[in-house]
């Protein structure tokens, strides 16, 4: 009988490395509110998406399941000012300029 392999669970200490890895693919990542974050792979050109897709897949395999850390990832992104909370802000980078 085959053993069921448990998926790897990302550790909270890996959040900064996870966020850096996503950014290095060229995808944007930011928090939306207090409990959601988004990875902007849809914003890439088709050519850049073809490059980023295998990198994103490798990141998913390396870091594993992280859904249970969603609030912690959001808190980290907010600490970097990578968040959207208002319809008046078009991009998270506008938070940086409003310091």
PDB file of N, CA and C in Angstrom:
ATOM      1  N   UNK A   1       0.841  -1.179   0.000  1.00  0.00           N
ATOM      2  CA  UNK A   1       0.000   0.000   0.000  1.00  0.00           C
ATOM      3  C   UNK A   1       0.887   1.245   0.000  1.00  0.00           C
ATOM      4  N   UNK A   2       0.529   2.206  -0.810  1.00  0.00           N
ATOM      5  CA  UNK A   2       1.304   3.445  -0.938  1.00  0.00           C
ATOM      6  C   UNK A   2       1.057   4.345   0.266  1.00  0.00           C
ATOM      7  N   UNK A   3       2.119   4.980   0.692  1.00  0.00           N
ATOM      8  CA  UNK A   3       2.003   5.934   1.795  1.00  0.00           C
ATOM      9  C   UNK A   3       1.507   7.269   1.265  1.00  0.00           C
ATOM     10  N   UNK A   4       0.668   7.881   2.036  1.00  0.00           N
ATOM     11  CA  UNK A   4       0.214   9.226   1.689  1.00  0.00           C
ATOM     12  C   UNK A   4       1.278  10.216   2.156  1.00  0.00           C
ATOM     13  N   UNK A   5       1.774  11.016   1.228  1.00  0.00           N
ATOM     14  CA  UNK A   5       2.788  12.012   1.560  1.00  0.00           C
ATOM     15  C   UNK A   5       2.077  13.277   2.025  1.00  0.00           C
ATOM     16  N   UNK A   6       2.420  13.690   3.234  1.00  0.00           N
ATOM     17  CA  UNK A   6       1.840  14.916   3.781  1.00  0.00           C
ATOM     18  C   UNK A   6       2.480  16.121   3.097  1.00  0.00           C
ATOM     19  N   UNK A   7       1.673  17.096   2.708  1.00  0.00           N
ATOM     20  CA  UNK A   7       2.258  18.286   2.070  1.00  0.00           C
ATOM     21  C   UNK A   7       3.128  19.053   3.064  1.00  0.00           C
ATOM     22  N   UNK A   8       4.152  19.682   2.556  1.00  0.00           N
ATOM     23  CA  UNK A   8       5.025  20.498   3.395  1.00  0.00           C
ATOM     24  C   UNK A   8       4.257  21.731   3.854  1.00  0.00           C
ATOM     25  N   UNK A   9       4.445  22.112   5.103  1.00  0.00           N
ATOM     26  CA  UNK A   9       3.834  23.320   5.640  1.00  0.00           C
ATOM     27  C   UNK A   9       4.904  24.399   5.779  1.00  0.00           C
ATOM     28  N   UNK A  10       4.627  25.557   5.232  1.00  0.00           N
ATOM     29  CA  UNK A  10       5.559  26.663   5.335  1.00  0.00           C
ATOM     30  C   UNK A  10       5.655  27.093   6.791  1.00  0.00           C
ATOM     31  N   UNK A  11       6.831  27.477   7.210  1.00  0.00           N
ATOM     32  CA  UNK A  11       7.054  27.986   8.558  1.00  0.00           C
ATOM     33  C   UNK A  11       6.905  29.505   8.560  1.00  0.00           C
ATOM     34  N   UNK A  12       6.441  30.047   9.654  1.00  0.00           N
ATOM     35  CA  UNK A  12       6.271  31.505   9.742  1.00  0.00           C
ATOM     36  C   UNK A  12       7.596  32.231   9.507  1.00  0.00           C
ATOM     37  N   UNK A  13       8.683  31.644   9.941  1.00  0.00           N
ATOM     38  CA  UNK A  13      10.001  32.267   9.761  1.00  0.00           C
ATOM     39  C   UNK A  13      10.410  32.365   8.290  1.00  0.00           C
ATOM     40  N   UNK A  14       9.719  31.641   7.409  1.00  0.00           N
ATOM     41  CA  UNK A  14      10.037  31.654   5.982  1.00  0.00           C
ATOM     42  C   UNK A  14       9.282  32.730   5.199  1.00  0.00           C
ATOM     43  N   UNK A  15       8.406  33.459   5.867  1.00  0.00           N
ATOM     44  CA  UNK A  15       7.596  34.462   5.168  1.00  0.00           C
ATOM     45  C   UNK A  15       8.457  35.485   4.423  1.00  0.00           C
ATOM     46  N   UNK A  16       9.482  36.082   5.036  1.00  0.00           N
ATOM     47  CA  UNK A  16      10.288  37.053   4.275  1.00  0.00           C
ATOM     48  C   UNK A  16      10.934  36.433   3.028  1.00  0.00           C
ATOM     49  N   UNK A  17      11.436  35.224   3.137  1.00  0.00           N
ATOM     50  CA  UNK A  17      12.054  34.562   1.980  1.00  0.00           C
ATOM     51  C   UNK A  17      11.013  34.259   0.910  1.00  0.00           C
ATOM     52  N   UNK A  18       9.807  33.873   1.315  1.00  0.00           N
ATOM     53  CA  UNK A  18       8.720  33.611   0.375  1.00  0.00           C
ATOM     54  C   UNK A  18       8.377  34.885  -0.395  1.00  0.00           C
ATOM     55  N   UNK A  19       8.189  35.991   0.322  1.00  0.00           N
ATOM     56  CA  UNK A  19       7.844  37.264  -0.317  1.00  0.00           C
ATOM     57  C   UNK A  19       8.967  37.699  -1.263  1.00  0.00           C
ATOM     58  N   UNK A  20      10.208  37.587  -0.819  1.00  0.00           N
ATOM     59  CA  UNK A  20      11.343  37.944  -1.685  1.00  0.00           C
ATOM     60  C   UNK A  20      11.365  37.082  -2.944  1.00  0.00           C
ATOM     61  N   UNK A  21      11.096  35.791  -2.796  1.00  0.00           N
ATOM     62  CA  UNK A  21      11.105  34.890  -3.946  1.00  0.00           C
ATOM     63  C   UNK A  21      10.031  35.276  -4.953  1.00  0.00           C
ATOM     64  N   UNK A  22       8.851  35.646  -4.463  1.00  0.00           N
ATOM     65  CA  UNK A  22       7.775  36.077  -5.361  1.00  0.00           C
ATOM     66  C   UNK A  22       8.193  37.348  -6.099  1.00  0.00           C
ATOM     67  N   UNK A  23       8.738  38.310  -5.380  1.00  0.00           N
ATOM     68  CA  UNK A  23       9.157  39.573  -5.994  1.00  0.00           C
ATOM     69  C   UNK A  23      10.226  39.322  -7.051  1.00  0.00           C
ATOM     70  N   UNK A  24      11.150  38.404  -6.771  1.00  0.00           N
ATOM     71  CA  UNK A  24      12.228  38.113  -7.719  1.00  0.00           C
ATOM     72  C   UNK A  24      11.714  37.530  -9.036  1.00  0.00           C
ATOM     73  N   UNK A  25      10.513  36.966  -9.051  1.00  0.00           N
ATOM     74  CA  UNK A  25       9.953  36.440 -10.303  1.00  0.00           C
ATOM     75  C   UNK A  25       9.452  37.559 -11.206  1.00  0.00           C
ATOM     76  N   UNK A  26       9.332  38.767 -10.651  1.00  0.00           N
ATOM     77  CA  UNK A  26       8.759  39.877 -11.407  1.00  0.00           C
ATOM     78  C   UNK A  26       7.280  40.059 -11.133  1.00  0.00           C
ATOM     79  N   UNK A  27       6.725  39.197 -10.286  1.00  0.00           N
ATOM     80  CA  UNK A  27       5.311  39.318  -9.920  1.00  0.00           C
ATOM     81  C   UNK A  27       5.173  40.259  -8.735  1.00  0.00           C
ATOM     82  N   UNK A  28       4.129  41.036  -8.757  1.00  0.00           N
ATOM     83  CA  UNK A  28       3.826  41.915  -7.646  1.00  0.00           C
ATOM     84  C   UNK A  28       3.131  41.092  -6.567  1.00  0.00           C
ATOM     85  N   UNK A  29       3.340  41.429  -5.318  1.00  0.00           N
ATOM     86  CA  UNK A  29       2.637  40.792  -4.214  1.00  0.00           C
ATOM     87  C   UNK A  29       2.267  41.894  -3.234  1.00  0.00           C
ATOM     88  N   UNK A  30       1.011  41.897  -2.804  1.00  0.00           N
ATOM     89  CA  UNK A  30       0.597  42.892  -1.825  1.00  0.00           C
ATOM     90  C   UNK A  30      -0.605  42.380  -1.040  1.00  0.00           C
ATOM     91  N   UNK A  31      -0.776  42.954   0.154  1.00  0.00           N
ATOM     92  CA  UNK A  31      -1.911  42.636   1.005  1.00  0.00           C
ATOM     93  C   UNK A  31      -3.124  43.436   0.544  1.00  0.00           C
ATOM     94  N   UNK A  32      -4.276  42.841   0.715  1.00  0.00           N
ATOM     95  CA  UNK A  32      -5.552  43.505   0.432  1.00  0.00           C
ATOM     96  C   UNK A  32      -6.387  43.383   1.696  1.00  0.00           C
ATOM     97  N   UNK A  33      -6.461  44.463   2.443  1.00  0.00           N
ATOM     98  CA  UNK A  33      -7.150  44.393   3.722  1.00  0.00           C
ATOM     99  C   UNK A  33      -6.283  43.711   4.761  1.00  0.00           C
ATOM    100  N   UNK A  34      -6.943  43.017   5.700  1.00  0.00           N
ATOM    101  CA  UNK A  34      -6.225  42.404   6.818  1.00  0.00           C
ATOM    102  C   UNK A  34      -6.027  40.896   6.699  1.00  0.00           C
ATOM    103  N   UNK A  35      -6.660  40.258   5.717  1.00  0.00           N
ATOM    104  CA  UNK A  35      -6.531  38.802   5.686  1.00  0.00           C
ATOM    105  C   UNK A  35      -6.397  38.196   4.288  1.00  0.00           C
ATOM    106  N   UNK A  36      -6.100  39.027   3.303  1.00  0.00           N
ATOM    107  CA  UNK A  36      -5.886  38.528   1.945  1.00  0.00           C
ATOM    108  C   UNK A  36      -4.628  39.138   1.356  1.00  0.00           C
ATOM    109  N   UNK A  37      -3.994  38.375   0.477  1.00  0.00           N
ATOM    110  CA  UNK A  37      -2.897  38.932  -0.307  1.00  0.00           C
ATOM    111  C   UNK A  37      -3.034  38.420  -1.722  1.00  0.00           C
ATOM    112  N   UNK A  38      -2.414  39.119  -2.641  1.00  0.00           N
ATOM    113  CA  UNK A  38      -2.503  38.746  -4.037  1.00  0.00           C
ATOM    114  C   UNK A  38      -1.117  38.723  -4.662  1.00  0.00           C
ATOM    115  N   UNK A  39      -0.949  37.775  -5.571  1.00  0.00           N
ATOM    116  CA  UNK A  39       0.281  37.678  -6.349  1.00  0.00           C
ATOM    117  C   UNK A  39      -0.080  38.066  -7.764  1.00  0.00           C
ATOM    118  N   UNK A  40       0.552  39.116  -8.286  1.00  0.00           N
ATOM    119  CA  UNK A  40       0.145  39.713  -9.548  1.00  0.00           C
ATOM    120  C   UNK A  40       0.721  39.058 -10.786  1.00  0.00           C
ATOM    121  N   UNK A  41       0.609  37.744 -10.909  1.00  0.00           N
ATOM    122  CA  UNK A  41       1.114  37.092 -12.110  1.00  0.00           C
ATOM    123  C   UNK A  41       0.259  37.416 -13.325  1.00  0.00           C
ATOM    124  N   UNK A  42      -0.996  37.771 -13.124  1.00  0.00           N
ATOM    125  CA  UNK A  42      -1.872  38.124 -14.246  1.00  0.00           C
ATOM    126  C   UNK A  42      -1.478  39.459 -14.872  1.00  0.00           C
ATOM    127  N   UNK A  43      -0.700  40.256 -14.142  1.00  0.00           N
ATOM    128  CA  UNK A  43      -0.256  41.552 -14.656  1.00  0.00           C
ATOM    129  C   UNK A  43       0.927  41.434 -15.611  1.00  0.00           C
ATOM    130  N   UNK A  44       1.507  40.252 -15.700  1.00  0.00           N
ATOM    131  CA  UNK A  44       2.681  40.059 -16.553  1.00  0.00           C
ATOM    132  C   UNK A  44       2.280  39.908 -18.011  1.00  0.00           C
ATOM    133  N   UNK A  45       3.189  40.269 -18.901  1.00  0.00           N
ATOM    134  CA  UNK A  45       2.969  39.996 -20.316  1.00  0.00           C
ATOM    135  C   UNK A  45       2.998  38.477 -20.513  1.00  0.00           C
ATOM    136  N   UNK A  46       2.493  38.014 -21.629  1.00  0.00           N
ATOM    137  CA  UNK A  46       2.510  36.578 -21.903  1.00  0.00           C
ATOM    138  C   UNK A  46       3.934  36.029 -21.850  1.00  0.00           C
ATOM    139  N   UNK A  47       4.855  36.767 -22.419  1.00  0.00           N
ATOM    140  CA  UNK A  47       6.257  36.336 -22.443  1.00  0.00           C
ATOM    141  C   UNK A  47       6.827  36.236 -21.022  1.00  0.00           C
ATOM    142  N   UNK A  48       6.585  37.258 -20.214  1.00  0.00           N
ATOM    143  CA  UNK A  48       7.091  37.250 -18.840  1.00  0.00           C
ATOM    144  C   UNK A  48       6.386  36.206 -17.983  1.00  0.00           C
ATOM    145  N   UNK A  49       5.114  35.953 -18.276  1.00  0.00           N
ATOM    146  CA  UNK A  49       4.397  34.914 -17.533  1.00  0.00           C
ATOM    147  C   UNK A  49       4.995  33.542 -17.830  1.00  0.00           C
ATOM    148  N   UNK A  50       5.369  33.300 -19.073  1.00  0.00           N
ATOM    149  CA  UNK A  50       5.990  32.019 -19.442  1.00  0.00           C
ATOM    150  C   UNK A  50       7.285  31.803 -18.656  1.00  0.00           C
ATOM    151  N   UNK A  51       7.984  32.875 -18.361  1.00  0.00           N
ATOM    152  CA  UNK A  51       9.217  32.795 -17.568  1.00  0.00           C
ATOM    153  C   UNK A  51       8.888  32.608 -16.095  1.00  0.00           C
ATOM    154  N   UNK A  52       7.899  33.344 -15.596  1.00  0.00           N
ATOM    155  CA  UNK A  52       7.578  33.338 -14.165  1.00  0.00           C
ATOM    156  C   UNK A  52       6.834  32.082 -13.717  1.00  0.00           C
ATOM    157  N   UNK A  53       6.011  31.510 -14.580  1.00  0.00           N
ATOM    158  CA  UNK A  53       5.160  30.378 -14.176  1.00  0.00           C
ATOM    159  C   UNK A  53       5.959  29.224 -13.564  1.00  0.00           C
ATOM    160  N   UNK A  54       7.037  28.748 -14.207  1.00  0.00           N
ATOM    161  CA  UNK A  54       7.788  27.660 -13.573  1.00  0.00           C
ATOM    162  C   UNK A  54       8.472  28.097 -12.271  1.00  0.00           C
ATOM    163  N   UNK A  55       8.842  29.381 -12.205  1.00  0.00           N
ATOM    164  CA  UNK A  55       9.437  29.891 -10.965  1.00  0.00           C
ATOM    165  C   UNK A  55       8.413  29.889  -9.842  1.00  0.00           C
ATOM    166  N   UNK A  56       7.185  30.301 -10.146  1.00  0.00           N
ATOM    167  CA  UNK A  56       6.122  30.299  -9.144  1.00  0.00           C
ATOM    168  C   UNK A  56       5.802  28.878  -8.692  1.00  0.00           C
ATOM    169  N   UNK A  57       5.809  27.953  -9.630  1.00  0.00           N
ATOM    170  CA  UNK A  57       5.567  26.554  -9.294  1.00  0.00           C
ATOM    171  C   UNK A  57       6.666  26.032  -8.368  1.00  0.00           C
ATOM    172  N   UNK A  58       7.907  26.390  -8.648  1.00  0.00           N
ATOM    173  CA  UNK A  58       9.024  25.979  -7.794  1.00  0.00           C
ATOM    174  C   UNK A  58       8.898  26.588  -6.396  1.00  0.00           C
ATOM    175  N   UNK A  59       8.441  27.828  -6.327  1.00  0.00           N
ATOM    176  CA  UNK A  59       8.227  28.488  -5.030  1.00  0.00           C
ATOM    177  C   UNK A  59       7.153  27.745  -4.247  1.00  0.00           C
ATOM    178  N   UNK A  60       6.074  27.377  -4.911  1.00  0.00           N
ATOM    179  CA  UNK A  60       5.019  26.616  -4.240  1.00  0.00           C
ATOM    180  C   UNK A  60       5.550  25.304  -3.688  1.00  0.00           C
ATOM    181  N   UNK A  61       6.374  24.627  -4.447  1.00  0.00           N
ATOM    182  CA  UNK A  61       6.942  23.365  -3.971  1.00  0.00           C
ATOM    183  C   UNK A  61       7.928  23.598  -2.826  1.00  0.00           C
ATOM    184  N   UNK A  62       8.756  24.610  -2.950  1.00  0.00           N
ATOM    185  CA  UNK A  62       9.768  24.875  -1.924  1.00  0.00           C
ATOM    186  C   UNK A  62       9.136  25.241  -0.584  1.00  0.00           C
ATOM    187  N   UNK A  63       8.146  26.145  -0.616  1.00  0.00           N
ATOM    188  CA  UNK A  63       7.585  26.653   0.637  1.00  0.00           C
ATOM    189  C   UNK A  63       6.383  25.852   1.121  1.00  0.00           C
ATOM    190  N   UNK A  64       5.703  25.167   0.239  1.00  0.00           N
ATOM    191  CA  UNK A  64       4.589  24.320   0.643  1.00  0.00           C
ATOM    192  C   UNK A  64       3.324  25.095   0.958  1.00  0.00           C
ATOM    193  N   UNK A  65       2.439  24.428   1.679  1.00  0.00           N
ATOM    194  CA  UNK A  65       1.145  25.012   2.030  1.00  0.00           C
ATOM    195  C   UNK A  65       1.353  26.174   2.981  1.00  0.00           C
ATOM    196  N   UNK A  66       0.713  27.289   2.686  1.00  0.00           N
ATOM    197  CA  UNK A  66       0.871  28.493   3.504  1.00  0.00           C
ATOM    198  C   UNK A  66      -0.459  29.156   3.825  1.00  0.00           C
ATOM    199  N   UNK A  67      -1.550  28.534   3.440  1.00  0.00           N
ATOM    200  CA  UNK A  67      -2.851  29.161   3.650  1.00  0.00           C
ATOM    201  C   UNK A  67      -3.100  29.466   5.124  1.00  0.00           C
ATOM    202  N   UNK A  68      -2.652  28.610   6.012  1.00  0.00           N
ATOM    203  CA  UNK A  68      -2.851  28.824   7.445  1.00  0.00           C
ATOM    204  C   UNK A  68      -2.023  29.999   7.971  1.00  0.00           C
ATOM    205  N   UNK A  69      -1.080  30.495   7.166  1.00  0.00           N
ATOM    206  CA  UNK A  69      -0.249  31.655   7.538  1.00  0.00           C
ATOM    207  C   UNK A  69      -0.699  32.938   6.837  1.00  0.00           C
ATOM    208  N   UNK A  70      -1.871  32.907   6.249  1.00  0.00           N
ATOM    209  CA  UNK A  70      -2.313  34.050   5.450  1.00  0.00           C
ATOM    210  C   UNK A  70      -2.264  35.359   6.230  1.00  0.00           C
ATOM    211  N   UNK A  71      -2.766  35.386   7.441  1.00  0.00           N
ATOM    212  CA  UNK A  71      -2.762  36.636   8.222  1.00  0.00           C
ATOM    213  C   UNK A  71      -1.338  37.092   8.550  1.00  0.00           C
ATOM    214  N   UNK A  72      -0.448  36.146   8.796  1.00  0.00           N
ATOM    215  CA  UNK A  72       0.940  36.491   9.091  1.00  0.00           C
ATOM    216  C   UNK A  72       1.638  37.039   7.841  1.00  0.00           C
ATOM    217  N   UNK A  73       1.342  36.454   6.678  1.00  0.00           N
ATOM    218  CA  UNK A  73       1.903  36.964   5.422  1.00  0.00           C
ATOM    219  C   UNK A  73       1.383  38.373   5.170  1.00  0.00           C
ATOM    220  N   UNK A  74       0.093  38.579   5.395  1.00  0.00           N
ATOM    221  CA  UNK A  74      -0.504  39.910   5.224  1.00  0.00           C
ATOM    222  C   UNK A  74       0.156  40.906   6.170  1.00  0.00           C
ATOM    223  N   UNK A  75       0.352  40.524   7.422  1.00  0.00           N
ATOM    224  CA  UNK A  75       0.990  41.428   8.386  1.00  0.00           C
ATOM    225  C   UNK A  75       2.401  41.791   7.927  1.00  0.00           C
ATOM    226  N   UNK A  76       3.126  40.822   7.400  1.00  0.00           N
ATOM    227  CA  UNK A  76       4.478  41.101   6.903  1.00  0.00           C
ATOM    228  C   UNK A  76       4.422  42.057   5.711  1.00  0.00           C
ATOM    229  N   UNK A  77       3.519  41.799   4.776  1.00  0.00           N
ATOM    230  CA  UNK A  77       3.385  42.687   3.618  1.00  0.00           C
ATOM    231  C   UNK A  77       3.001  44.095   4.055  1.00  0.00           C
ATOM    232  N   UNK A  78       2.130  44.189   5.039  1.00  0.00           N
ATOM    233  CA  UNK A  78       1.734  45.514   5.540  1.00  0.00           C
ATOM    234  C   UNK A  78       2.932  46.219   6.186  1.00  0.00           C
ATOM    235  N   UNK A  79       3.807  45.460   6.863  1.00  0.00           N
ATOM    236  CA  UNK A  79       4.988  46.075   7.474  1.00  0.00           C
ATOM    237  C   UNK A  79       5.926  46.639   6.412  1.00  0.00           C
ATOM    238  N   UNK A  80       5.853  46.072   5.205  1.00  0.00           N
ATOM    239  CA  UNK A  80       6.638  46.571   4.075  1.00  0.00           C
ATOM    240  C   UNK A  80       5.899  47.661   3.303  1.00  0.00           C
ATOM    241  N   UNK A  81       4.716  48.008   3.774  1.00  0.00           N
ATOM    242  CA  UNK A  81       3.816  48.976   3.130  1.00  0.00           C
ATOM    243  C   UNK A  81       3.335  48.482   1.763  1.00  0.00           C
ATOM    244  N   UNK A  82       3.304  47.180   1.579  1.00  0.00           N
ATOM    245  CA  UNK A  82       2.799  46.557   0.350  1.00  0.00           C
ATOM    246  C   UNK A  82       1.350  46.149   0.602  1.00  0.00           C
ATOM    247  N   UNK A  83       0.468  47.126   0.634  1.00  0.00           N
ATOM    248  CA  UNK A  83      -0.950  46.832   0.869  1.00  0.00           C
ATOM    249  C   UNK A  83      -1.832  47.842   0.143  1.00  0.00           C
ATOM    250  N   UNK A  84      -3.049  47.410  -0.085  1.00  0.00           N
ATOM    251  CA  UNK A  84      -4.100  48.273  -0.640  1.00  0.00           C
ATOM    252  C   UNK A  84      -5.261  48.253   0.336  1.00  0.00           C
ATOM    253  N   UNK A  85      -5.677  49.423   0.779  1.00  0.00           N
ATOM    254  CA  UNK A  85      -6.813  49.527   1.689  1.00  0.00           C
ATOM    255  C   UNK A  85      -7.880  50.488   1.194  1.00  0.00           C
ATOM    256  N   UNK A  86      -7.555  51.247   0.168  1.00  0.00           N
ATOM    257  CA  UNK A  86      -8.438  52.319  -0.258  1.00  0.00           C
ATOM    258  C   UNK A  86      -8.584  52.312  -1.769  1.00  0.00           C
ATOM    259  N   UNK A  87      -9.765  52.640  -2.230  1.00  0.00           N
ATOM    260  CA  UNK A  87      -9.973  52.745  -3.676  1.00  0.00           C
ATOM    261  C   UNK A  87      -9.258  53.977  -4.247  1.00  0.00           C
ATOM    262  N   UNK A  88      -8.796  54.865  -3.366  1.00  0.00           N
ATOM    263  CA  UNK A  88      -8.061  56.049  -3.809  1.00  0.00           C
ATOM    264  C   UNK A  88      -6.607  55.725  -4.161  1.00  0.00           C
ATOM    265  N   UNK A  89      -6.153  54.548  -3.787  1.00  0.00           N
ATOM    266  CA  UNK A  89      -4.783  54.132  -4.071  1.00  0.00           C
ATOM    267  C   UNK A  89      -4.836  53.093  -5.189  1.00  0.00           C
ATOM    268  N   UNK A  90      -4.117  53.363  -6.268  1.00  0.00           N
ATOM    269  CA  UNK A  90      -4.115  52.460  -7.414  1.00  0.00           C
ATOM    270  C   UNK A  90      -3.088  51.346  -7.286  1.00  0.00           C
ATOM    271  N   UNK A  91      -2.014  51.597  -6.552  1.00  0.00           N
ATOM    272  CA  UNK A  91      -0.929  50.618  -6.441  1.00  0.00           C
ATOM    273  C   UNK A  91      -0.324  50.742  -5.048  1.00  0.00           C
ATOM    274  N   UNK A  92       0.100  49.626  -4.480  1.00  0.00           N
ATOM    275  CA  UNK A  92       0.657  49.644  -3.131  1.00  0.00           C
ATOM    276  C   UNK A  92       1.834  50.610  -2.995  1.00  0.00           C
ATOM    277  N   UNK A  93       2.582  50.849  -4.062  1.00  0.00           N
ATOM    278  CA  UNK A  93       3.762  51.711  -3.979  1.00  0.00           C
ATOM    279  C   UNK A  93       3.394  53.145  -3.595  1.00  0.00           C
ATOM    280  N   UNK A  94       2.149  53.523  -3.764  1.00  0.00           N
ATOM    281  CA  UNK A  94       1.725  54.848  -3.340  1.00  0.00           C
ATOM    282  C   UNK A  94       1.735  54.983  -1.821  1.00  0.00           C
ATOM    283  N   UNK A  95       1.699  53.876  -1.096  1.00  0.00           N
ATOM    284  CA  UNK A  95       1.821  53.922   0.360  1.00  0.00           C
ATOM    285  C   UNK A  95       3.203  54.387   0.770  1.00  0.00           C
ATOM    286  N   UNK A  96       4.213  54.001   0.033  1.00  0.00           N
ATOM    287  CA  UNK A  96       5.592  54.373   0.343  1.00  0.00           C
ATOM    288  C   UNK A  96       5.774  55.877   0.225  1.00  0.00           C
ATOM    289  N   UNK A  97       5.205  56.466  -0.811  1.00  0.00           N
ATOM    290  CA  UNK A  97       5.381  57.902  -1.024  1.00  0.00           C
ATOM    291  C   UNK A  97       4.581  58.748  -0.037  1.00  0.00           C
ATOM    292  N   UNK A  98       3.659  58.114   0.680  1.00  0.00           N
ATOM    293  CA  UNK A  98       2.828  58.886   1.624  1.00  0.00           C
ATOM    294  C   UNK A  98       3.336  58.770   3.052  1.00  0.00           C
ATOM    295  N   UNK A  99       4.599  58.346   3.226  1.00  0.00           N
ATOM    296  CA  UNK A  99       5.166  58.213   4.573  1.00  0.00           C
ATOM    297  C   UNK A  99       5.357  59.547   5.230  1.00  0.00           C
TER     298      UNK A  99
END
